[in-house]
């Protein structure tokens, strides 16, 4: 993977994290951007969102982000200068939760 894609991924992750933290409230949950994956032409961005809080609220948090995708893209476009603003696709990422479960299993042994 070339350096440009890596830099754009990190920039989008940082800016979206700031926007989401500042402008959105998720009813007792905390949404974190765990990672960003980009297509080589930088026109699509897959945003993997971790949700800290009750597991049953995670789908609602991701759906809220999907519903506000246009607003998030617009805000990000104003902060990040790219030739094409990537189309954002939000997906739930439960890797942190799985990691915690694995640590608890290891500790119980």
PDB file of N, CA and C in Angstrom:
ATOM      1  N   UNK A   1       0.855  -1.172   0.000  1.00  0.00           N
ATOM      2  CA  UNK A   1       0.000   0.000   0.000  1.00  0.00           C
ATOM      3  C   UNK A   1       0.900   1.234   0.000  1.00  0.00           C
ATOM      4  N   UNK A   2       0.552   2.189  -0.827  1.00  0.00           N
ATOM      5  CA  UNK A   2       1.443   3.347  -0.912  1.00  0.00           C
ATOM      6  C   UNK A   2       1.210   4.329   0.241  1.00  0.00           C
ATOM      7  N   UNK A   3       2.165   5.197   0.405  1.00  0.00           N
ATOM      8  CA  UNK A   3       2.152   6.130   1.529  1.00  0.00           C
ATOM      9  C   UNK A   3       0.984   7.111   1.468  1.00  0.00           C
ATOM     10  N   UNK A   4       0.592   7.514   0.282  1.00  0.00           N
ATOM     11  CA  UNK A   4      -0.516   8.469   0.162  1.00  0.00           C
ATOM     12  C   UNK A   4      -1.793   7.896   0.753  1.00  0.00           C
ATOM     13  N   UNK A   5      -2.104   6.652   0.429  1.00  0.00           N
ATOM     14  CA  UNK A   5      -3.319   6.028   0.965  1.00  0.00           C
ATOM     15  C   UNK A   5      -3.236   5.938   2.480  1.00  0.00           C
ATOM     16  N   UNK A   6      -2.087   5.564   3.000  1.00  0.00           N
ATOM     17  CA  UNK A   6      -1.931   5.474   4.455  1.00  0.00           C
ATOM     18  C   UNK A   6      -2.136   6.834   5.125  1.00  0.00           C
ATOM     19  N   UNK A   7      -1.586   7.879   4.537  1.00  0.00           N
ATOM     20  CA  UNK A   7      -1.741   9.223   5.112  1.00  0.00           C
ATOM     21  C   UNK A   7      -3.193   9.692   5.049  1.00  0.00           C
ATOM     22  N   UNK A   8      -3.874   9.428   3.927  1.00  0.00           N
ATOM     23  CA  UNK A   8      -5.282   9.838   3.789  1.00  0.00           C
ATOM     24  C   UNK A   8      -6.151   9.065   4.774  1.00  0.00           C
ATOM     25  N   UNK A   9      -5.887   7.775   4.938  1.00  0.00           N
ATOM     26  CA  UNK A   9      -6.653   6.968   5.905  1.00  0.00           C
ATOM     27  C   UNK A   9      -6.520   7.547   7.310  1.00  0.00           C
ATOM     28  N   UNK A  10      -5.310   7.862   7.706  1.00  0.00           N
ATOM     29  CA  UNK A  10      -5.087   8.395   9.050  1.00  0.00           C
ATOM     30  C   UNK A  10      -5.722   9.780   9.209  1.00  0.00           C
ATOM     31  N   UNK A  11      -5.643  10.596   8.189  1.00  0.00           N
ATOM     32  CA  UNK A  11      -6.244  11.929   8.237  1.00  0.00           C
ATOM     33  C   UNK A  11      -7.765  11.842   8.368  1.00  0.00           C
ATOM     34  N   UNK A  12      -8.391  10.978   7.589  1.00  0.00           N
ATOM     35  CA  UNK A  12      -9.849  10.806   7.674  1.00  0.00           C
ATOM     36  C   UNK A  12     -10.237  10.266   9.043  1.00  0.00           C
ATOM     37  N   UNK A  13      -9.489   9.319   9.548  1.00  0.00           N
ATOM     38  CA  UNK A  13      -9.777   8.765  10.875  1.00  0.00           C
ATOM     39  C   UNK A  13      -9.725   9.856  11.943  1.00  0.00           C
ATOM     40  N   UNK A  14      -8.701  10.667  11.917  1.00  0.00           N
ATOM     41  CA  UNK A  14      -8.541  11.724  12.918  1.00  0.00           C
ATOM     42  C   UNK A  14      -9.643  12.775  12.814  1.00  0.00           C
ATOM     43  N   UNK A  15      -9.936  13.238  11.596  1.00  0.00           N
ATOM     44  CA  UNK A  15     -10.935  14.288  11.418  1.00  0.00           C
ATOM     45  C   UNK A  15     -12.348  13.790  11.742  1.00  0.00           C
ATOM     46  N   UNK A  16     -12.696  12.590  11.286  1.00  0.00           N
ATOM     47  CA  UNK A  16     -14.026  12.054  11.600  1.00  0.00           C
ATOM     48  C   UNK A  16     -14.186  11.827  13.099  1.00  0.00           C
ATOM     49  N   UNK A  17     -13.141  11.372  13.756  1.00  0.00           N
ATOM     50  CA  UNK A  17     -13.214  11.183  15.209  1.00  0.00           C
ATOM     51  C   UNK A  17     -13.534  12.495  15.911  1.00  0.00           C
ATOM     52  N   UNK A  18     -12.862  13.556  15.496  1.00  0.00           N
ATOM     53  CA  UNK A  18     -13.134  14.871  16.091  1.00  0.00           C
ATOM     54  C   UNK A  18     -14.557  15.332  15.826  1.00  0.00           C
ATOM     55  N   UNK A  19     -15.022  15.185  14.593  1.00  0.00           N
ATOM     56  CA  UNK A  19     -16.369  15.633  14.223  1.00  0.00           C
ATOM     57  C   UNK A  19     -17.421  14.861  15.009  1.00  0.00           C
ATOM     58  N   UNK A  20     -17.268  13.548  15.073  1.00  0.00           N
ATOM     59  CA  UNK A  20     -18.258  12.710  15.766  1.00  0.00           C
ATOM     60  C   UNK A  20     -18.262  13.022  17.261  1.00  0.00           C
ATOM     61  N   UNK A  21     -17.097  13.170  17.845  1.00  0.00           N
ATOM     62  CA  UNK A  21     -17.016  13.472  19.282  1.00  0.00           C
ATOM     63  C   UNK A  21     -17.644  14.814  19.608  1.00  0.00           C
ATOM     64  N   UNK A  22     -17.399  15.800  18.760  1.00  0.00           N
ATOM     65  CA  UNK A  22     -17.881  17.151  19.025  1.00  0.00           C
ATOM     66  C   UNK A  22     -19.371  17.335  18.722  1.00  0.00           C
ATOM     67  N   UNK A  23     -19.880  16.728  17.648  1.00  0.00           N
ATOM     68  CA  UNK A  23     -21.207  17.074  17.145  1.00  0.00           C
ATOM     69  C   UNK A  23     -22.316  16.044  17.404  1.00  0.00           C
ATOM     70  N   UNK A  24     -21.969  14.842  17.853  1.00  0.00           N
ATOM     71  CA  UNK A  24     -22.997  13.803  17.973  1.00  0.00           C
ATOM     72  C   UNK A  24     -23.012  13.218  19.375  1.00  0.00           C
ATOM     73  N   UNK A  25     -24.239  12.866  19.827  1.00  0.00           N
ATOM     74  CA  UNK A  25     -24.443  12.241  21.125  1.00  0.00           C
ATOM     75  C   UNK A  25     -25.154  10.905  20.892  1.00  0.00           C
ATOM     76  N   UNK A  26     -24.721   9.867  21.582  1.00  0.00           N
ATOM     77  CA  UNK A  26     -25.252   8.532  21.322  1.00  0.00           C
ATOM     78  C   UNK A  26     -25.912   7.893  22.540  1.00  0.00           C
ATOM     79  N   UNK A  27     -26.549   8.661  23.388  1.00  0.00           N
ATOM     80  CA  UNK A  27     -27.331   8.134  24.509  1.00  0.00           C
ATOM     81  C   UNK A  27     -26.558   7.148  25.378  1.00  0.00           C
ATOM     82  N   UNK A  28     -25.522   7.610  26.013  1.00  0.00           N
ATOM     83  CA  UNK A  28     -24.779   6.769  26.941  1.00  0.00           C
ATOM     84  C   UNK A  28     -23.757   5.860  26.303  1.00  0.00           C
ATOM     85  N   UNK A  29     -23.531   5.968  25.024  1.00  0.00           N
ATOM     86  CA  UNK A  29     -22.519   5.170  24.330  1.00  0.00           C
ATOM     87  C   UNK A  29     -21.418   6.089  23.818  1.00  0.00           C
ATOM     88  N   UNK A  30     -20.309   5.506  23.549  1.00  0.00           N
ATOM     89  CA  UNK A  30     -19.199   6.237  22.964  1.00  0.00           C
ATOM     90  C   UNK A  30     -18.823   5.554  21.657  1.00  0.00           C
ATOM     91  N   UNK A  31     -18.832   6.296  20.578  1.00  0.00           N
ATOM     92  CA  UNK A  31     -18.448   5.759  19.267  1.00  0.00           C
ATOM     93  C   UNK A  31     -16.998   6.134  18.997  1.00  0.00           C
ATOM     94  N   UNK A  32     -16.213   5.142  18.596  1.00  0.00           N
ATOM     95  CA  UNK A  32     -14.811   5.379  18.264  1.00  0.00           C
ATOM     96  C   UNK A  32     -14.545   4.882  16.851  1.00  0.00           C
ATOM     97  N   UNK A  33     -13.680   5.569  16.149  1.00  0.00           N
ATOM     98  CA  UNK A  33     -13.274   5.127  14.824  1.00  0.00           C
ATOM     99  C   UNK A  33     -12.053   4.231  15.018  1.00  0.00           C
ATOM    100  N   UNK A  34     -12.245   2.927  14.808  1.00  0.00           N
ATOM    101  CA  UNK A  34     -11.139   1.990  15.007  1.00  0.00           C
ATOM    102  C   UNK A  34     -10.178   1.976  13.823  1.00  0.00           C
ATOM    103  N   UNK A  35     -10.723   2.020  12.623  1.00  0.00           N
ATOM    104  CA  UNK A  35      -9.851   2.037  11.445  1.00  0.00           C
ATOM    105  C   UNK A  35     -10.628   2.541  10.241  1.00  0.00           C
ATOM    106  N   UNK A  36      -9.878   2.895   9.213  1.00  0.00           N
ATOM    107  CA  UNK A  36     -10.445   3.360   7.951  1.00  0.00           C
ATOM    108  C   UNK A  36      -9.753   2.580   6.846  1.00  0.00           C
ATOM    109  N   UNK A  37     -10.535   2.089   5.908  1.00  0.00           N
ATOM    110  CA  UNK A  37      -9.987   1.398   4.747  1.00  0.00           C
ATOM    111  C   UNK A  37     -10.425   2.159   3.509  1.00  0.00           C
ATOM    112  N   UNK A  38      -9.517   2.334   2.564  1.00  0.00           N
ATOM    113  CA  UNK A  38      -9.791   3.128   1.366  1.00  0.00           C
ATOM    114  C   UNK A  38      -9.600   2.278   0.113  1.00  0.00           C
ATOM    115  N   UNK A  39     -10.366   2.605  -0.918  1.00  0.00           N
ATOM    116  CA  UNK A  39     -10.108   2.015  -2.221  1.00  0.00           C
ATOM    117  C   UNK A  39      -8.887   2.725  -2.813  1.00  0.00           C
ATOM    118  N   UNK A  40      -8.189   2.082  -3.750  1.00  0.00           N
ATOM    119  CA  UNK A  40      -6.978   2.702  -4.317  1.00  0.00           C
ATOM    120  C   UNK A  40      -7.218   4.046  -5.008  1.00  0.00           C
ATOM    121  N   UNK A  41      -8.424   4.267  -5.535  1.00  0.00           N
ATOM    122  CA  UNK A  41      -8.699   5.553  -6.189  1.00  0.00           C
ATOM    123  C   UNK A  41      -9.174   6.625  -5.204  1.00  0.00           C
ATOM    124  N   UNK A  42      -9.233   6.304  -3.923  1.00  0.00           N
ATOM    125  CA  UNK A  42      -9.611   7.223  -2.833  1.00  0.00           C
ATOM    126  C   UNK A  42     -11.036   7.756  -2.950  1.00  0.00           C
ATOM    127  N   UNK A  43     -11.901   7.027  -3.636  1.00  0.00           N
ATOM    128  CA  UNK A  43     -13.287   7.484  -3.787  1.00  0.00           C
ATOM    129  C   UNK A  43     -14.236   6.820  -2.801  1.00  0.00           C
ATOM    130  N   UNK A  44     -13.814   5.757  -2.143  1.00  0.00           N
ATOM    131  CA  UNK A  44     -14.631   5.061  -1.153  1.00  0.00           C
ATOM    132  C   UNK A  44     -13.826   4.928   0.133  1.00  0.00           C
ATOM    133  N   UNK A  45     -14.472   5.189   1.244  1.00  0.00           N
ATOM    134  CA  UNK A  45     -13.839   4.996   2.548  1.00  0.00           C
ATOM    135  C   UNK A  45     -14.760   4.136   3.401  1.00  0.00           C
ATOM    136  N   UNK A  46     -14.216   3.064   3.932  1.00  0.00           N
ATOM    137  CA  UNK A  46     -14.960   2.177   4.817  1.00  0.00           C
ATOM    138  C   UNK A  46     -14.505   2.488   6.239  1.00  0.00           C
ATOM    139  N   UNK A  47     -15.446   2.977   7.039  1.00  0.00           N
ATOM    140  CA  UNK A  47     -15.157   3.427   8.394  1.00  0.00           C
ATOM    141  C   UNK A  47     -15.623   2.349   9.367  1.00  0.00           C
ATOM    142  N   UNK A  48     -14.691   1.794  10.143  1.00  0.00           N
ATOM    143  CA  UNK A  48     -15.019   0.759  11.117  1.00  0.00           C
ATOM    144  C   UNK A  48     -15.182   1.408  12.479  1.00  0.00           C
ATOM    145  N   UNK A  49     -16.410   1.322  13.003  1.00  0.00           N
ATOM    146  CA  UNK A  49     -16.803   2.039  14.213  1.00  0.00           C
ATOM    147  C   UNK A  49     -16.926   1.057  15.369  1.00  0.00           C
ATOM    148  N   UNK A  50     -16.233   1.364  16.450  1.00  0.00           N
ATOM    149  CA  UNK A  50     -16.382   0.609  17.682  1.00  0.00           C
ATOM    150  C   UNK A  50     -17.330   1.355  18.603  1.00  0.00           C
ATOM    151  N   UNK A  51     -18.139   0.615  19.333  1.00  0.00           N
ATOM    152  CA  UNK A  51     -19.109   1.230  20.242  1.00  0.00           C
ATOM    153  C   UNK A  51     -18.811   0.746  21.651  1.00  0.00           C
ATOM    154  N   UNK A  52     -18.547   1.693  22.534  1.00  0.00           N
ATOM    155  CA  UNK A  52     -18.315   1.379  23.935  1.00  0.00           C
ATOM    156  C   UNK A  52     -19.611   1.677  24.672  1.00  0.00           C
ATOM    157  N   UNK A  53     -20.183   0.643  25.238  1.00  0.00           N
ATOM    158  CA  UNK A  53     -21.469   0.767  25.911  1.00  0.00           C
ATOM    159  C   UNK A  53     -22.255  -0.522  25.731  1.00  0.00           C
ATOM    160  N   UNK A  54     -23.542  -0.486  26.018  1.00  0.00           N
ATOM    161  CA  UNK A  54     -24.364  -1.690  25.868  1.00  0.00           C
ATOM    162  C   UNK A  54     -24.344  -2.226  24.428  1.00  0.00           C
ATOM    163  N   UNK A  55     -24.213  -3.544  24.308  1.00  0.00           N
ATOM    164  CA  UNK A  55     -24.128  -4.176  22.982  1.00  0.00           C
ATOM    165  C   UNK A  55     -25.374  -3.946  22.147  1.00  0.00           C
ATOM    166  N   UNK A  56     -26.527  -3.869  22.789  1.00  0.00           N
ATOM    167  CA  UNK A  56     -27.767  -3.704  22.028  1.00  0.00           C
ATOM    168  C   UNK A  56     -27.898  -2.320  21.402  1.00  0.00           C
ATOM    169  N   UNK A  57     -27.105  -1.355  21.860  1.00  0.00           N
ATOM    170  CA  UNK A  57     -27.167  -0.012  21.281  1.00  0.00           C
ATOM    171  C   UNK A  57     -26.235   0.162  20.085  1.00  0.00           C
ATOM    172  N   UNK A  58     -25.320  -0.762  19.881  1.00  0.00           N
ATOM    173  CA  UNK A  58     -24.332  -0.639  18.803  1.00  0.00           C
ATOM    174  C   UNK A  58     -24.971  -0.495  17.422  1.00  0.00           C
ATOM    175  N   UNK A  59     -25.977  -1.305  17.066  1.00  0.00           N
ATOM    176  CA  UNK A  59     -26.582  -1.124  15.739  1.00  0.00           C
ATOM    177  C   UNK A  59     -27.228   0.254  15.561  1.00  0.00           C
ATOM    178  N   UNK A  60     -27.799   0.808  16.631  1.00  0.00           N
ATOM    179  CA  UNK A  60     -28.420   2.137  16.531  1.00  0.00           C
ATOM    180  C   UNK A  60     -27.376   3.232  16.330  1.00  0.00           C
ATOM    181  N   UNK A  61     -26.220   3.076  16.961  1.00  0.00           N
ATOM    182  CA  UNK A  61     -25.149   4.063  16.805  1.00  0.00           C
ATOM    183  C   UNK A  61     -24.656   4.066  15.361  1.00  0.00           C
ATOM    184  N   UNK A  62     -24.404   2.873  14.817  1.00  0.00           N
ATOM    185  CA  UNK A  62     -23.922   2.774  13.438  1.00  0.00           C
ATOM    186  C   UNK A  62     -24.991   3.269  12.466  1.00  0.00           C
ATOM    187  N   UNK A  63     -26.257   2.969  12.740  1.00  0.00           N
ATOM    188  CA  UNK A  63     -27.330   3.445  11.863  1.00  0.00           C
ATOM    189  C   UNK A  63     -27.444   4.968  11.904  1.00  0.00           C
ATOM    190  N   UNK A  64     -27.242   5.560  13.071  1.00  0.00           N
ATOM    191  CA  UNK A  64     -27.283   7.015  13.172  1.00  0.00           C
ATOM    192  C   UNK A  64     -26.173   7.635  12.328  1.00  0.00           C
ATOM    193  N   UNK A  65     -24.987   7.042  12.364  1.00  0.00           N
ATOM    194  CA  UNK A  65     -23.885   7.537  11.540  1.00  0.00           C
ATOM    195  C   UNK A  65     -24.205   7.373  10.053  1.00  0.00           C
ATOM    196  N   UNK A  66     -24.816   6.252   9.694  1.00  0.00           N
ATOM    197  CA  UNK A  66     -25.204   6.044   8.289  1.00  0.00           C
ATOM    198  C   UNK A  66     -26.249   7.069   7.858  1.00  0.00           C
ATOM    199  N   UNK A  67     -27.183   7.374   8.738  1.00  0.00           N
ATOM    200  CA  UNK A  67     -28.222   8.350   8.412  1.00  0.00           C
ATOM    201  C   UNK A  67     -27.656   9.760   8.231  1.00  0.00           C
ATOM    202  N   UNK A  68     -26.577  10.069   8.944  1.00  0.00           N
ATOM    203  CA  UNK A  68     -25.966  11.395   8.867  1.00  0.00           C
ATOM    204  C   UNK A  68     -24.711  11.405   7.989  1.00  0.00           C
ATOM    205  N   UNK A  69     -24.581  10.416   7.117  1.00  0.00           N
ATOM    206  CA  UNK A  69     -23.413  10.283   6.255  1.00  0.00           C
ATOM    207  C   UNK A  69     -23.156  11.537   5.430  1.00  0.00           C
ATOM    208  N   UNK A  70     -24.201  12.099   4.847  1.00  0.00           N
ATOM    209  CA  UNK A  70     -24.044  13.296   4.019  1.00  0.00           C
ATOM    210  C   UNK A  70     -23.491  14.472   4.802  1.00  0.00           C
ATOM    211  N   UNK A  71     -24.016  14.671   6.002  1.00  0.00           N
ATOM    212  CA  UNK A  71     -23.521  15.760   6.845  1.00  0.00           C
ATOM    213  C   UNK A  71     -22.073  15.537   7.244  1.00  0.00           C
ATOM    214  N   UNK A  72     -21.749  14.286   7.577  1.00  0.00           N
ATOM    215  CA  UNK A  72     -20.376  13.971   7.963  1.00  0.00           C
ATOM    216  C   UNK A  72     -19.413  14.185   6.798  1.00  0.00           C
ATOM    217  N   UNK A  73     -19.830  13.790   5.595  1.00  0.00           N
ATOM    218  CA  UNK A  73     -18.993  13.995   4.421  1.00  0.00           C
ATOM    219  C   UNK A  73     -18.772  15.472   4.163  1.00  0.00           C
ATOM    220  N   UNK A  74     -19.828  16.264   4.301  1.00  0.00           N
ATOM    221  CA  UNK A  74     -19.715  17.705   4.078  1.00  0.00           C
ATOM    222  C   UNK A  74     -18.765  18.349   5.080  1.00  0.00           C
ATOM    223  N   UNK A  75     -18.907  17.998   6.362  1.00  0.00           N
ATOM    224  CA  UNK A  75     -18.035  18.555   7.391  1.00  0.00           C
ATOM    225  C   UNK A  75     -16.588  18.124   7.177  1.00  0.00           C
ATOM    226  N   UNK A  76     -16.414  16.865   6.788  1.00  0.00           N
ATOM    227  CA  UNK A  76     -15.063  16.377   6.546  1.00  0.00           C
ATOM    228  C   UNK A  76     -14.442  17.064   5.329  1.00  0.00           C
ATOM    229  N   UNK A  77     -15.248  17.309   4.303  1.00  0.00           N
ATOM    230  CA  UNK A  77     -14.772  17.966   3.084  1.00  0.00           C
ATOM    231  C   UNK A  77     -14.236  19.359   3.383  1.00  0.00           C
ATOM    232  N   UNK A  78     -14.854  20.045   4.331  1.00  0.00           N
ATOM    233  CA  UNK A  78     -14.412  21.392   4.683  1.00  0.00           C
ATOM    234  C   UNK A  78     -13.084  21.381   5.431  1.00  0.00           C
ATOM    235  N   UNK A  79     -12.776  20.254   6.082  1.00  0.00           N
ATOM    236  CA  UNK A  79     -11.554  20.167   6.884  1.00  0.00           C
ATOM    237  C   UNK A  79     -10.416  19.456   6.169  1.00  0.00           C
ATOM    238  N   UNK A  80     -10.741  18.586   5.201  1.00  0.00           N
ATOM    239  CA  UNK A  80      -9.741  17.790   4.494  1.00  0.00           C
ATOM    240  C   UNK A  80      -9.815  18.139   3.012  1.00  0.00           C
ATOM    241  N   UNK A  81      -8.708  18.565   2.446  1.00  0.00           N
ATOM    242  CA  UNK A  81      -8.689  18.949   1.045  1.00  0.00           C
ATOM    243  C   UNK A  81      -8.220  17.766   0.199  1.00  0.00           C
ATOM    244  N   UNK A  82      -9.150  17.207  -0.555  1.00  0.00           N
ATOM    245  CA  UNK A  82      -8.865  16.119  -1.487  1.00  0.00           C
ATOM    246  C   UNK A  82      -9.542  16.429  -2.811  1.00  0.00           C
ATOM    247  N   UNK A  83      -9.045  15.837  -3.875  1.00  0.00           N
ATOM    248  CA  UNK A  83      -9.667  16.060  -5.181  1.00  0.00           C
ATOM    249  C   UNK A  83     -11.114  15.561  -5.167  1.00  0.00           C
ATOM    250  N   UNK A  84     -11.320  14.365  -4.639  1.00  0.00           N
ATOM    251  CA  UNK A  84     -12.669  13.797  -4.513  1.00  0.00           C
ATOM    252  C   UNK A  84     -12.910  13.479  -3.047  1.00  0.00           C
ATOM    253  N   UNK A  85     -14.040  13.932  -2.537  1.00  0.00           N
ATOM    254  CA  UNK A  85     -14.402  13.549  -1.174  1.00  0.00           C
ATOM    255  C   UNK A  85     -14.879  12.111  -1.213  1.00  0.00           C
ATOM    256  N   UNK A  86     -14.268  11.232  -0.425  1.00  0.00           N
ATOM    257  CA  UNK A  86     -14.664   9.822  -0.479  1.00  0.00           C
ATOM    258  C   UNK A  86     -16.074   9.602   0.050  1.00  0.00           C
ATOM    259  N   UNK A  87     -16.749   8.636  -0.538  1.00  0.00           N
ATOM    260  CA  UNK A  87     -18.073   8.211  -0.073  1.00  0.00           C
ATOM    261  C   UNK A  87     -17.848   7.376   1.183  1.00  0.00           C
ATOM    262  N   UNK A  88     -18.464   7.764   2.287  1.00  0.00           N
ATOM    263  CA  UNK A  88     -18.263   7.097   3.569  1.00  0.00           C
ATOM    264  C   UNK A  88     -19.239   5.943   3.734  1.00  0.00           C
ATOM    265  N   UNK A  89     -18.719   4.805   4.146  1.00  0.00           N
ATOM    266  CA  UNK A  89     -19.534   3.636   4.461  1.00  0.00           C
ATOM    267  C   UNK A  89     -19.172   3.195   5.871  1.00  0.00           C
ATOM    268  N   UNK A  90     -20.159   3.217   6.773  1.00  0.00           N
ATOM    269  CA  UNK A  90     -19.910   2.890   8.175  1.00  0.00           C
ATOM    270  C   UNK A  90     -20.245   1.429   8.444  1.00  0.00           C
ATOM    271  N   UNK A  91     -19.340   0.761   9.172  1.00  0.00           N
ATOM    272  CA  UNK A  91     -19.531  -0.641   9.550  1.00  0.00           C
ATOM    273  C   UNK A  91     -19.174  -0.802  11.026  1.00  0.00           C
ATOM    274  N   UNK A  92     -19.907  -1.680  11.694  1.00  0.00           N
ATOM    275  CA  UNK A  92     -19.634  -1.937  13.106  1.00  0.00           C
ATOM    276  C   UNK A  92     -18.396  -2.820  13.224  1.00  0.00           C
ATOM    277  N   UNK A  93     -17.517  -2.478  14.145  1.00  0.00           N
ATOM    278  CA  UNK A  93     -16.296  -3.233  14.384  1.00  0.00           C
ATOM    279  C   UNK A  93     -16.283  -3.649  15.852  1.00  0.00           C
ATOM    280  N   UNK A  94     -16.378  -4.941  16.089  1.00  0.00           N
ATOM    281  CA  UNK A  94     -16.413  -5.434  17.464  1.00  0.00           C
ATOM    282  C   UNK A  94     -15.092  -6.065  17.887  1.00  0.00           C
ATOM    283  N   UNK A  95     -14.003  -5.691  17.251  1.00  0.00           N
ATOM    284  CA  UNK A  95     -12.703  -6.292  17.559  1.00  0.00           C
ATOM    285  C   UNK A  95     -12.254  -5.993  18.987  1.00  0.00           C
ATOM    286  N   UNK A  96     -12.551  -4.816  19.501  1.00  0.00           N
ATOM    287  CA  UNK A  96     -12.163  -4.476  20.870  1.00  0.00           C
ATOM    288  C   UNK A  96     -12.930  -5.350  21.858  1.00  0.00           C
ATOM    289  N   UNK A  97     -14.223  -5.533  21.598  1.00  0.00           N
ATOM    290  CA  UNK A  97     -15.037  -6.379  22.483  1.00  0.00           C
ATOM    291  C   UNK A  97     -14.531  -7.817  22.467  1.00  0.00           C
ATOM    292  N   UNK A  98     -14.196  -8.319  21.274  1.00  0.00           N
ATOM    293  CA  UNK A  98     -13.666  -9.685  21.181  1.00  0.00           C
ATOM    294  C   UNK A  98     -12.332  -9.793  21.905  1.00  0.00           C
ATOM    295  N   UNK A  99     -11.505  -8.749  21.828  1.00  0.00           N
ATOM    296  CA  UNK A  99     -10.228  -8.747  22.535  1.00  0.00           C
ATOM    297  C   UNK A  99     -10.414  -8.804  24.042  1.00  0.00           C
ATOM    298  N   UNK A 100     -11.371  -8.052  24.546  1.00  0.00           N
ATOM    299  CA  UNK A 100     -11.657  -8.062  25.982  1.00  0.00           C
ATOM    300  C   UNK A 100     -12.146  -9.443  26.418  1.00  0.00           C
ATOM    301  N   UNK A 101     -13.003 -10.063  25.609  1.00  0.00           N
ATOM    302  CA  UNK A 101     -13.481 -11.413  25.929  1.00  0.00           C
ATOM    303  C   UNK A 101     -12.333 -12.413  25.963  1.00  0.00           C
ATOM    304  N   UNK A 102     -11.403 -12.295  25.020  1.00  0.00           N
ATOM    305  CA  UNK A 102     -10.258 -13.206  24.991  1.00  0.00           C
ATOM    306  C   UNK A 102      -9.381 -13.015  26.224  1.00  0.00           C
ATOM    307  N   UNK A 103      -9.167 -11.772  26.632  1.00  0.00           N
ATOM    308  CA  UNK A 103      -8.354 -11.510  27.824  1.00  0.00           C
ATOM    309  C   UNK A 103      -9.025 -12.082  29.062  1.00  0.00           C
ATOM    310  N   UNK A 104     -10.372 -11.952  29.135  1.00  0.00           N
ATOM    311  CA  UNK A 104     -11.095 -12.519  30.275  1.00  0.00           C
ATOM    312  C   UNK A 104     -10.990 -14.036  30.285  1.00  0.00           C
ATOM    313  N   UNK A 105     -11.053 -14.668  29.110  1.00  0.00           N
ATOM    314  CA  UNK A 105     -10.895 -16.121  29.028  1.00  0.00           C
ATOM    315  C   UNK A 105      -9.497 -16.550  29.479  1.00  0.00           C
ATOM    316  N   UNK A 106      -8.494 -15.828  29.044  1.00  0.00           N
ATOM    317  CA  UNK A 106      -7.122 -16.158  29.418  1.00  0.00           C
ATOM    318  C   UNK A 106      -6.932 -15.972  30.914  1.00  0.00           C
ATOM    319  N   UNK A 107      -7.490 -14.900  31.469  1.00  0.00           N
ATOM    320  CA  UNK A 107      -7.374 -14.659  32.909  1.00  0.00           C
ATOM    321  C   UNK A 107      -8.079 -15.724  33.724  1.00  0.00           C
ATOM    322  N   UNK A 108      -9.184 -16.254  33.204  1.00  0.00           N
ATOM    323  CA  UNK A 108      -9.926 -17.272  33.957  1.00  0.00           C
ATOM    324  C   UNK A 108      -9.188 -18.607  33.992  1.00  0.00           C
ATOM    325  N   UNK A 109      -8.323 -18.828  33.025  1.00  0.00           N
ATOM    326  CA  UNK A 109      -7.537 -20.091  32.995  1.00  0.00           C
ATOM    327  C   UNK A 109      -6.426 -19.948  33.986  1.00  0.00           C
TER     328      UNK A 109
END
